[in-house]
Amino acid sequence: MFRSRQCRTRNEKEKIVLIAQDSSERTKTKFQKLCKENQTECLIIGDIETLSKSIGKVNKAIIGIEEENIAKQIQKINYGGESIG
């Protein structure tokens, strides 16, 4: 469901990719390019600590969401739609 490995983006399985705002410019550019090539939505949101805690990991700047329903909820919240809960 949640992936933080770079190779997954190349397999086009992600519905949405989350990039931490405080990740390096090189990382942001690399993943934005991969997302564009694979026609996957990419959001620059939160910070590394917040994204890492959300999946129970440490020091993860990129999170790929494969589950379509979760991706839709993230998009809805990000674009000012209804909030969860």
C-alpha atoms as a PDB file:
ATOM      1  CA  MET A   1       0.000   0.000   0.000  1.00  0.00           C
ATOM      2  CA  PHE A   2       2.644   2.559   1.033  1.00  0.00           C
ATOM      3  CA  ARG A   3       5.982   2.420  -0.728  1.00  0.00           C
ATOM      4  CA  SER A   4       9.062   4.506  -0.248  1.00  0.00           C
ATOM      5  CA  ARG A   5      11.348   2.756  -2.730  1.00  0.00           C
ATOM      6  CA  GLN A   6      12.378   4.658  -5.835  1.00  0.00           C
ATOM      7  CA  CYS A   7      11.982   1.706  -8.205  1.00  0.00           C
ATOM      8  CA  ARG A   8       8.216   1.587  -7.719  1.00  0.00           C
ATOM      9  CA  THR A   9       7.632   4.907  -9.484  1.00  0.00           C
ATOM     10  CA  ARG A  10       9.150   3.462 -12.629  1.00  0.00           C
ATOM     11  CA  ASN A  11       6.656   0.585 -12.582  1.00  0.00           C
ATOM     12  CA  GLU A  12       3.686   2.992 -12.762  1.00  0.00           C
ATOM     13  CA  LYS A  13       1.921   1.388  -9.783  1.00  0.00           C
ATOM     14  CA  GLU A  14       1.523   4.563  -7.746  1.00  0.00           C
ATOM     15  CA  LYS A  15      -1.658   6.570  -7.965  1.00  0.00           C
ATOM     16  CA  ILE A  16      -0.043   9.538  -6.234  1.00  0.00           C
ATOM     17  CA  VAL A  17       3.461  10.377  -5.013  1.00  0.00           C
ATOM     18  CA  LEU A  18       4.057  12.574  -1.962  1.00  0.00           C
ATOM     19  CA  ILE A  19       7.316  14.529  -1.767  1.00  0.00           C
ATOM     20  CA  ALA A  20       8.448  16.257   1.423  1.00  0.00           C
ATOM     21  CA  GLN A  21       8.883  20.020   1.106  1.00  0.00           C
ATOM     22  CA  ASP A  22      12.240  19.862   2.866  1.00  0.00           C
ATOM     23  CA  SER A  23      13.703  17.177   0.605  1.00  0.00           C
ATOM     24  CA  SER A  24      16.621  18.185  -1.618  1.00  0.00           C
ATOM     25  CA  GLU A  25      15.983  20.015  -4.874  1.00  0.00           C
ATOM     26  CA  ARG A  26      17.602  17.107  -6.714  1.00  0.00           C
ATOM     27  CA  THR A  27      15.155  14.636  -5.145  1.00  0.00           C
ATOM     28  CA  LYS A  28      12.157  16.847  -5.923  1.00  0.00           C
ATOM     29  CA  THR A  29      13.249  17.326  -9.532  1.00  0.00           C
ATOM     30  CA  LYS A  30      13.976  13.631 -10.046  1.00  0.00           C
ATOM     31  CA  PHE A  31      10.615  12.439  -8.757  1.00  0.00           C
ATOM     32  CA  GLN A  32       8.621  15.180 -10.422  1.00  0.00           C
ATOM     33  CA  LYS A  33      10.201  14.132 -13.715  1.00  0.00           C
ATOM     34  CA  LEU A  34       9.416  10.451 -13.082  1.00  0.00           C
ATOM     35  CA  CYS A  35       5.828  11.300 -12.171  1.00  0.00           C
ATOM     36  CA  LYS A  36       5.399  13.377 -15.304  1.00  0.00           C
ATOM     37  CA  GLU A  37       6.808  10.571 -17.475  1.00  0.00           C
ATOM     38  CA  ASN A  38       4.456   8.032 -15.873  1.00  0.00           C
ATOM     39  CA  GLN A  39       1.480  10.416 -15.729  1.00  0.00           C
ATOM     40  CA  THR A  40       1.284  10.051 -11.943  1.00  0.00           C
ATOM     41  CA  GLU A  41       0.140  12.917  -9.747  1.00  0.00           C
ATOM     42  CA  CYS A  42       2.836  14.349  -7.537  1.00  0.00           C
ATOM     43  CA  LEU A  43       2.292  16.537  -4.462  1.00  0.00           C
ATOM     44  CA  ILE A  44       4.953  18.444  -2.553  1.00  0.00           C
ATOM     45  CA  ILE A  45       3.514  18.388   0.922  1.00  0.00           C
ATOM     46  CA  GLY A  46       4.563  18.199   4.556  1.00  0.00           C
ATOM     47  CA  ASP A  47       8.075  17.594   5.772  1.00  0.00           C
ATOM     48  CA  ILE A  48      10.273  14.512   5.988  1.00  0.00           C
ATOM     49  CA  GLU A  49       9.474  13.916   9.660  1.00  0.00           C
ATOM     50  CA  THR A  50       5.694  14.095   9.117  1.00  0.00           C
ATOM     51  CA  LEU A  51       5.706  11.866   6.038  1.00  0.00           C
ATOM     52  CA  SER A  52       7.953   9.342   7.778  1.00  0.00           C
ATOM     53  CA  LYS A  53       5.746   9.185  10.865  1.00  0.00           C
ATOM     54  CA  SER A  54       2.651   8.700   8.715  1.00  0.00           C
ATOM     55  CA  ILE A  55       3.978   5.331   7.527  1.00  0.00           C
ATOM     56  CA  GLY A  56       5.858   4.372  10.679  1.00  0.00           C
ATOM     57  CA  LYS A  57       9.298   4.823   9.142  1.00  0.00           C
ATOM     58  CA  VAL A  58      12.257   7.135   9.656  1.00  0.00           C
ATOM     59  CA  ASN A  59      13.759   9.637   7.208  1.00  0.00           C
ATOM     60  CA  LYS A  60      11.492   9.054   4.176  1.00  0.00           C
ATOM     61  CA  ALA A  61      11.184  12.019   1.819  1.00  0.00           C
ATOM     62  CA  ILE A  62       9.097  10.223  -0.822  1.00  0.00           C
ATOM     63  CA  ILE A  63       5.963   8.142  -0.373  1.00  0.00           C
ATOM     64  CA  GLY A  64       4.196   6.392  -3.232  1.00  0.00           C
ATOM     65  CA  ILE A  65       0.528   5.570  -2.678  1.00  0.00           C
ATOM     66  CA  GLU A  66      -0.718   2.566  -4.642  1.00  0.00           C
ATOM     67  CA  GLU A  67      -4.201   2.321  -3.137  1.00  0.00           C
ATOM     68  CA  GLU A  68      -6.595   4.336  -5.286  1.00  0.00           C
ATOM     69  CA  ASN A  69      -9.079   5.183  -2.510  1.00  0.00           C
ATOM     70  CA  ILE A  70      -6.364   6.539  -0.229  1.00  0.00           C
ATOM     71  CA  ALA A  71      -4.917   8.565  -3.116  1.00  0.00           C
ATOM     72  CA  LYS A  72      -8.351  10.061  -3.828  1.00  0.00           C
ATOM     73  CA  GLN A  73      -8.800  11.053  -0.181  1.00  0.00           C
ATOM     74  CA  ILE A  74      -5.381  12.725  -0.111  1.00  0.00           C
ATOM     75  CA  GLN A  75      -6.254  14.635  -3.277  1.00  0.00           C
ATOM     76  CA  LYS A  76      -9.634  15.654  -1.873  1.00  0.00           C
ATOM     77  CA  ILE A  77      -8.060  17.033   1.308  1.00  0.00           C
ATOM     78  CA  ASN A  78      -5.214  18.740  -0.564  1.00  0.00           C
ATOM     79  CA  TYR A  79      -7.531  20.472  -3.031  1.00  0.00           C
ATOM     80  CA  GLY A  80      -9.899  21.770  -0.366  1.00  0.00           C
ATOM     81  CA  GLY A  81     -12.507  19.045  -0.412  1.00  0.00           C
ATOM     82  CA  GLU A  82     -14.017  17.305   2.565  1.00  0.00           C
ATOM     83  CA  SER A  83     -11.755  16.255   5.381  1.00  0.00           C
ATOM     84  CA  ILE A  84     -11.575  12.715   6.723  1.00  0.00           C
ATOM     85  CA  GLY A  85     -13.089  12.060  10.126  1.00  0.00           C
END
